[in-house]
Amino acid sequence: MNKAKKEKQEEPPKIEYSEKYYDSVYEYRQVIFPKEWGMRLIERGLMPDEEWRRYGVQMSKGWYHYGSHPPEPHVLLFRRPIGTDPASGVVDRKLGEDQFREFEYVRHLSKPERVALGIN
């Protein structure tokens, strides 16, 4: 039996997803596979959309696998531009500008202000 057939027959891994986090350009998310998947994922390198979805990753459109977390090779790093429409994967510059302004506003709030507004 070839390796591709063997991988298809395996039960999909239990995958965990981090909360999203942001900088002024991108939103980010970590995808955490079981630890035993680490070497397999390192061998694959950076994966296009179709490949990481084949491994069972389920996220909206527009996410790009841009790296892994070296001390934990089972953790994949994803990002997409702020303002990406999750249904189409297309970046809406206006939406991105609005999200950036909101990000900047929230970033400068004190902890008590964030709690009062219901923002973590």
N, C-alpha and C. Protein backbone atom coordinates (compact mmCIF):
# COMPACT_ATOMS: atom_id res chain seq x y z
N MET A 1 0.86 -1.19 0.00
CA MET A 1 0.00 0.00 0.00
C MET A 1 0.90 1.24 0.00
N ASN A 2 0.61 2.18 -0.89
CA ASN A 2 1.47 3.36 -0.96
C ASN A 2 1.14 4.34 0.17
N LYS A 3 2.07 5.27 0.40
CA LYS A 3 1.96 6.22 1.52
C LYS A 3 0.72 7.10 1.41
N ALA A 4 0.36 7.56 0.22
CA ALA A 4 -0.81 8.42 0.04
C ALA A 4 -2.08 7.70 0.46
N LYS A 5 -2.22 6.42 0.07
CA LYS A 5 -3.41 5.65 0.46
C LYS A 5 -3.46 5.46 1.97
N LYS A 6 -2.30 5.18 2.56
CA LYS A 6 -2.24 4.96 4.00
C LYS A 6 -2.69 6.22 4.75
N GLU A 7 -2.22 7.41 4.33
CA GLU A 7 -2.61 8.66 4.99
C GLU A 7 -4.11 8.91 4.86
N LYS A 8 -4.70 8.57 3.72
CA LYS A 8 -6.13 8.78 3.51
C LYS A 8 -6.96 7.89 4.41
N GLN A 9 -6.46 6.69 4.74
CA GLN A 9 -7.21 5.76 5.55
C GLN A 9 -7.11 6.05 7.04
N GLU A 10 -6.14 6.83 7.47
CA GLU A 10 -5.98 7.15 8.88
C GLU A 10 -7.14 8.02 9.36
N GLU A 11 -7.45 7.86 10.64
CA GLU A 11 -8.47 8.70 11.24
C GLU A 11 -7.95 10.13 11.33
N PRO A 12 -8.80 11.12 11.05
CA PRO A 12 -8.31 12.49 11.10
C PRO A 12 -7.85 12.86 12.52
N PRO A 13 -6.83 13.69 12.61
CA PRO A 13 -6.31 14.07 13.93
C PRO A 13 -7.28 15.01 14.65
N LYS A 14 -7.16 15.04 15.97
CA LYS A 14 -7.91 16.00 16.77
C LYS A 14 -7.14 17.32 16.69
N ILE A 15 -7.74 18.31 16.08
CA ILE A 15 -7.07 19.59 15.84
C ILE A 15 -7.69 20.65 16.74
N GLU A 16 -6.82 21.48 17.32
CA GLU A 16 -7.28 22.61 18.14
C GLU A 16 -6.88 23.90 17.43
N TYR A 17 -7.64 24.95 17.71
CA TYR A 17 -7.41 26.25 17.07
C TYR A 17 -7.26 27.32 18.15
N SER A 18 -6.26 28.17 17.98
CA SER A 18 -6.09 29.28 18.92
C SER A 18 -7.13 30.36 18.61
N GLU A 19 -7.28 31.27 19.54
CA GLU A 19 -8.05 32.48 19.26
C GLU A 19 -7.26 33.28 18.22
N LYS A 20 -7.94 34.13 17.50
CA LYS A 20 -7.24 34.99 16.54
C LYS A 20 -6.53 36.10 17.30
N TYR A 21 -5.40 36.53 16.76
CA TYR A 21 -4.70 37.70 17.29
C TYR A 21 -4.23 38.51 16.10
N TYR A 22 -3.86 39.78 16.34
CA TYR A 22 -3.70 40.73 15.25
C TYR A 22 -2.45 41.58 15.40
N ASP A 23 -1.98 42.08 14.28
CA ASP A 23 -1.09 43.24 14.26
C ASP A 23 -1.77 44.25 13.34
N SER A 24 -1.06 45.21 12.86
CA SER A 24 -1.71 46.25 12.04
C SER A 24 -2.01 45.80 10.61
N VAL A 25 -1.52 44.65 10.19
CA VAL A 25 -1.70 44.19 8.82
C VAL A 25 -2.47 42.87 8.74
N TYR A 26 -2.17 41.94 9.64
CA TYR A 26 -2.72 40.59 9.55
C TYR A 26 -3.51 40.20 10.78
N GLU A 27 -4.39 39.21 10.59
CA GLU A 27 -4.92 38.46 11.71
C GLU A 27 -4.24 37.10 11.66
N TYR A 28 -3.99 36.52 12.82
CA TYR A 28 -3.22 35.29 12.92
C TYR A 28 -4.02 34.25 13.69
N ARG A 29 -3.64 33.01 13.46
CA ARG A 29 -4.24 31.91 14.20
C ARG A 29 -3.26 30.75 14.17
N GLN A 30 -3.19 30.04 15.29
CA GLN A 30 -2.37 28.84 15.36
C GLN A 30 -3.29 27.63 15.27
N VAL A 31 -2.83 26.61 14.55
CA VAL A 31 -3.56 25.36 14.44
C VAL A 31 -2.68 24.30 15.09
N ILE A 32 -3.22 23.64 16.10
CA ILE A 32 -2.44 22.72 16.90
C ILE A 32 -2.87 21.28 16.63
N PHE A 33 -1.96 20.51 16.05
CA PHE A 33 -2.17 19.09 15.80
C PHE A 33 -1.68 18.30 17.01
N PRO A 34 -2.02 17.02 17.11
CA PRO A 34 -1.44 16.19 18.16
C PRO A 34 0.09 16.18 18.01
N LYS A 35 0.80 16.09 19.13
CA LYS A 35 2.26 16.15 19.11
C LYS A 35 2.89 15.12 18.18
N GLU A 36 2.30 13.94 18.10
CA GLU A 36 2.90 12.90 17.26
C GLU A 36 2.88 13.24 15.77
N TRP A 37 2.15 14.28 15.39
CA TRP A 37 2.11 14.71 14.00
C TRP A 37 3.26 15.66 13.64
N GLY A 38 4.05 16.07 14.61
CA GLY A 38 5.09 17.07 14.39
C GLY A 38 6.03 16.78 13.24
N MET A 39 6.64 15.59 13.22
CA MET A 39 7.62 15.27 12.17
C MET A 39 6.95 15.20 10.80
N ARG A 40 5.76 14.66 10.75
CA ARG A 40 5.04 14.57 9.47
C ARG A 40 4.79 15.96 8.91
N LEU A 41 4.42 16.89 9.77
CA LEU A 41 4.12 18.25 9.31
C LEU A 41 5.39 18.99 8.88
N ILE A 42 6.49 18.79 9.60
CA ILE A 42 7.76 19.43 9.22
C ILE A 42 8.18 18.94 7.84
N GLU A 43 8.01 17.65 7.57
CA GLU A 43 8.39 17.10 6.27
C GLU A 43 7.59 17.74 5.14
N ARG A 44 6.36 18.15 5.41
CA ARG A 44 5.50 18.74 4.38
C ARG A 44 5.92 20.16 4.05
N GLY A 45 6.54 20.86 4.99
CA GLY A 45 6.89 22.26 4.76
C GLY A 45 5.65 23.13 4.72
N LEU A 46 5.73 24.27 4.05
CA LEU A 46 4.57 25.15 3.91
C LEU A 46 3.57 24.49 2.97
N MET A 47 2.32 24.50 3.38
CA MET A 47 1.30 23.79 2.60
C MET A 47 0.31 24.76 1.97
N PRO A 48 -0.08 24.50 0.73
CA PRO A 48 -1.15 25.29 0.12
C PRO A 48 -2.49 24.91 0.75
N ASP A 49 -3.48 25.72 0.51
CA ASP A 49 -4.82 25.56 1.06
C ASP A 49 -5.34 24.13 0.93
N GLU A 50 -5.28 23.57 -0.25
CA GLU A 50 -5.84 22.24 -0.49
C GLU A 50 -5.18 21.18 0.39
N GLU A 51 -3.88 21.32 0.62
CA GLU A 51 -3.17 20.31 1.39
C GLU A 51 -3.51 20.37 2.87
N TRP A 52 -3.49 21.58 3.47
CA TRP A 52 -3.80 21.62 4.90
C TRP A 52 -5.26 21.27 5.16
N ARG A 53 -6.14 21.57 4.23
CA ARG A 53 -7.55 21.14 4.38
C ARG A 53 -7.67 19.62 4.31
N ARG A 54 -6.84 18.97 3.48
CA ARG A 54 -6.84 17.50 3.40
C ARG A 54 -6.46 16.87 4.74
N TYR A 55 -5.63 17.56 5.52
CA TYR A 55 -5.23 17.07 6.83
C TYR A 55 -6.30 17.31 7.88
N GLY A 56 -7.40 17.95 7.50
CA GLY A 56 -8.51 18.13 8.42
C GLY A 56 -8.65 19.52 9.01
N VAL A 57 -7.80 20.45 8.60
CA VAL A 57 -7.91 21.83 9.10
C VAL A 57 -9.16 22.46 8.48
N GLN A 58 -10.00 23.04 9.33
CA GLN A 58 -11.24 23.66 8.87
C GLN A 58 -11.25 25.12 9.29
N MET A 59 -11.01 26.01 8.34
CA MET A 59 -11.06 27.45 8.58
C MET A 59 -11.70 28.11 7.38
N SER A 60 -12.19 29.33 7.59
CA SER A 60 -12.79 30.08 6.50
C SER A 60 -11.72 30.42 5.46
N LYS A 61 -12.13 31.00 4.37
CA LYS A 61 -11.22 31.29 3.26
C LYS A 61 -10.28 32.44 3.56
N GLY A 62 -9.17 32.44 2.85
CA GLY A 62 -8.22 33.54 2.94
C GLY A 62 -7.03 33.30 3.85
N TRP A 63 -7.01 32.18 4.58
CA TRP A 63 -5.89 31.88 5.47
C TRP A 63 -4.74 31.28 4.69
N TYR A 64 -3.50 31.65 5.08
CA TYR A 64 -2.29 31.14 4.45
C TYR A 64 -1.40 30.52 5.52
N HIS A 65 -0.91 29.33 5.25
CA HIS A 65 0.06 28.70 6.14
C HIS A 65 1.40 29.36 5.86
N TYR A 66 1.93 30.07 6.85
CA TYR A 66 3.18 30.81 6.63
C TYR A 66 4.34 30.29 7.47
N GLY A 67 4.10 29.32 8.33
CA GLY A 67 5.20 28.81 9.12
C GLY A 67 4.74 27.83 10.17
N SER A 68 5.71 27.38 10.96
CA SER A 68 5.41 26.52 12.10
C SER A 68 6.16 27.07 13.29
N HIS A 69 5.82 26.57 14.45
CA HIS A 69 6.44 27.03 15.69
C HIS A 69 7.60 26.08 15.98
N PRO A 70 8.86 26.51 15.73
CA PRO A 70 10.00 25.58 15.79
C PRO A 70 10.08 24.68 17.03
N PRO A 71 9.86 25.20 18.24
CA PRO A 71 9.95 24.28 19.38
C PRO A 71 8.80 23.26 19.41
N GLU A 72 7.73 23.56 18.69
CA GLU A 72 6.57 22.68 18.66
C GLU A 72 6.15 22.46 17.20
N PRO A 73 6.77 21.52 16.51
CA PRO A 73 6.51 21.37 15.08
C PRO A 73 5.07 20.96 14.74
N HIS A 74 4.29 20.57 15.75
CA HIS A 74 2.89 20.21 15.52
C HIS A 74 1.98 21.44 15.52
N VAL A 75 2.56 22.63 15.72
CA VAL A 75 1.80 23.88 15.72
C VAL A 75 2.06 24.60 14.40
N LEU A 76 1.01 24.76 13.60
CA LEU A 76 1.12 25.47 12.32
C LEU A 76 0.64 26.90 12.49
N LEU A 77 1.31 27.83 11.82
CA LEU A 77 0.98 29.25 11.91
C LEU A 77 0.27 29.70 10.64
N PHE A 78 -0.84 30.38 10.82
CA PHE A 78 -1.63 30.88 9.70
C PHE A 78 -1.86 32.38 9.85
N ARG A 79 -2.03 33.05 8.73
CA ARG A 79 -2.37 34.47 8.76
C ARG A 79 -3.18 34.81 7.52
N ARG A 80 -3.88 35.94 7.62
CA ARG A 80 -4.57 36.49 6.45
C ARG A 80 -4.66 37.99 6.67
N PRO A 81 -4.70 38.77 5.59
CA PRO A 81 -4.78 40.22 5.74
C PRO A 81 -6.05 40.63 6.47
N ILE A 82 -5.93 41.62 7.32
CA ILE A 82 -7.12 42.19 7.97
C ILE A 82 -8.02 42.72 6.87
N GLY A 83 -9.32 42.42 6.98
CA GLY A 83 -10.27 42.85 5.97
C GLY A 83 -10.61 41.76 4.98
N THR A 84 -10.10 40.55 5.21
CA THR A 84 -10.41 39.44 4.31
C THR A 84 -11.84 38.97 4.56
N ASP A 85 -12.60 38.85 3.49
CA ASP A 85 -13.97 38.32 3.58
C ASP A 85 -13.85 36.81 3.81
N PRO A 86 -14.34 36.29 4.94
CA PRO A 86 -14.17 34.87 5.23
C PRO A 86 -14.93 33.95 4.27
N ALA A 87 -15.94 34.46 3.59
CA ALA A 87 -16.70 33.63 2.65
C ALA A 87 -16.00 33.50 1.30
N SER A 88 -15.35 34.59 0.86
CA SER A 88 -14.72 34.57 -0.47
C SER A 88 -13.20 34.50 -0.42
N GLY A 89 -12.59 34.94 0.68
CA GLY A 89 -11.14 35.01 0.76
C GLY A 89 -10.57 36.26 0.13
N VAL A 90 -11.45 37.15 -0.35
CA VAL A 90 -11.02 38.39 -1.01
C VAL A 90 -10.83 39.47 0.05
N VAL A 91 -9.76 40.25 -0.09
CA VAL A 91 -9.48 41.33 0.85
C VAL A 91 -10.29 42.56 0.46
N ASP A 92 -11.06 43.08 1.40
CA ASP A 92 -11.84 44.31 1.23
C ASP A 92 -11.08 45.43 1.94
N ARG A 93 -10.46 46.30 1.17
CA ARG A 93 -9.61 47.34 1.76
C ARG A 93 -10.39 48.23 2.73
N LYS A 94 -11.63 48.53 2.42
CA LYS A 94 -12.44 49.37 3.31
C LYS A 94 -12.68 48.66 4.63
N LEU A 95 -13.06 47.38 4.56
CA LEU A 95 -13.26 46.59 5.76
C LEU A 95 -11.95 46.51 6.54
N GLY A 96 -10.84 46.33 5.84
CA GLY A 96 -9.54 46.27 6.49
C GLY A 96 -9.21 47.56 7.22
N GLU A 97 -9.52 48.70 6.61
CA GLU A 97 -9.28 50.00 7.26
C GLU A 97 -10.14 50.13 8.52
N ASP A 98 -11.41 49.71 8.43
CA ASP A 98 -12.30 49.77 9.60
C ASP A 98 -11.79 48.87 10.71
N GLN A 99 -11.38 47.64 10.36
CA GLN A 99 -10.86 46.72 11.36
C GLN A 99 -9.57 47.26 11.98
N PHE A 100 -8.72 47.87 11.16
CA PHE A 100 -7.48 48.43 11.68
C PHE A 100 -7.77 49.55 12.68
N ARG A 101 -8.72 50.43 12.34
CA ARG A 101 -9.08 51.51 13.27
C ARG A 101 -9.60 50.94 14.57
N GLU A 102 -10.44 49.89 14.49
CA GLU A 102 -10.97 49.25 15.70
C GLU A 102 -9.83 48.62 16.49
N PHE A 103 -8.90 47.96 15.80
CA PHE A 103 -7.75 47.35 16.45
C PHE A 103 -6.93 48.42 17.19
N GLU A 104 -6.67 49.54 16.52
CA GLU A 104 -5.90 50.62 17.14
C GLU A 104 -6.62 51.19 18.36
N TYR A 105 -7.95 51.35 18.24
CA TYR A 105 -8.74 51.88 19.34
C TYR A 105 -8.64 50.93 20.55
N VAL A 106 -8.87 49.66 20.33
CA VAL A 106 -8.88 48.68 21.41
C VAL A 106 -7.49 48.54 22.01
N ARG A 107 -6.47 48.59 21.17
CA ARG A 107 -5.09 48.42 21.64
C ARG A 107 -4.71 49.48 22.67
N HIS A 108 -5.29 50.66 22.55
CA HIS A 108 -4.92 51.75 23.46
C HIS A 108 -5.82 51.86 24.68
N LEU A 109 -6.81 50.99 24.80
CA LEU A 109 -7.67 51.00 25.97
C LEU A 109 -6.95 50.36 27.15
N SER A 110 -7.21 50.87 28.33
CA SER A 110 -6.65 50.24 29.53
C SER A 110 -7.43 48.96 29.82
N LYS A 111 -6.89 48.12 30.67
CA LYS A 111 -7.56 46.87 31.02
C LYS A 111 -8.96 47.14 31.60
N PRO A 112 -9.13 48.08 32.55
CA PRO A 112 -10.48 48.34 33.07
C PRO A 112 -11.45 48.83 31.98
N GLU A 113 -10.95 49.62 31.03
CA GLU A 113 -11.81 50.09 29.95
C GLU A 113 -12.26 48.92 29.07
N ARG A 114 -11.32 48.00 28.79
CA ARG A 114 -11.67 46.83 27.98
C ARG A 114 -12.71 45.97 28.68
N VAL A 115 -12.52 45.76 29.98
CA VAL A 115 -13.47 44.95 30.75
C VAL A 115 -14.84 45.61 30.75
N ALA A 116 -14.88 46.93 30.94
CA ALA A 116 -16.16 47.66 30.95
C ALA A 116 -16.88 47.56 29.62
N LEU A 117 -16.13 47.48 28.51
CA LEU A 117 -16.73 47.37 27.19
C LEU A 117 -16.98 45.92 26.77
N GLY A 118 -16.58 44.97 27.63
CA GLY A 118 -16.78 43.57 27.29
C GLY A 118 -15.77 43.04 26.29
N ILE A 119 -14.59 43.66 26.24
CA ILE A 119 -13.54 43.24 25.31
C ILE A 119 -12.44 42.58 26.13
N ASN A 120 -12.05 41.38 25.72
CA ASN A 120 -10.97 40.68 26.45
C ASN A 120 -9.63 41.22 26.11
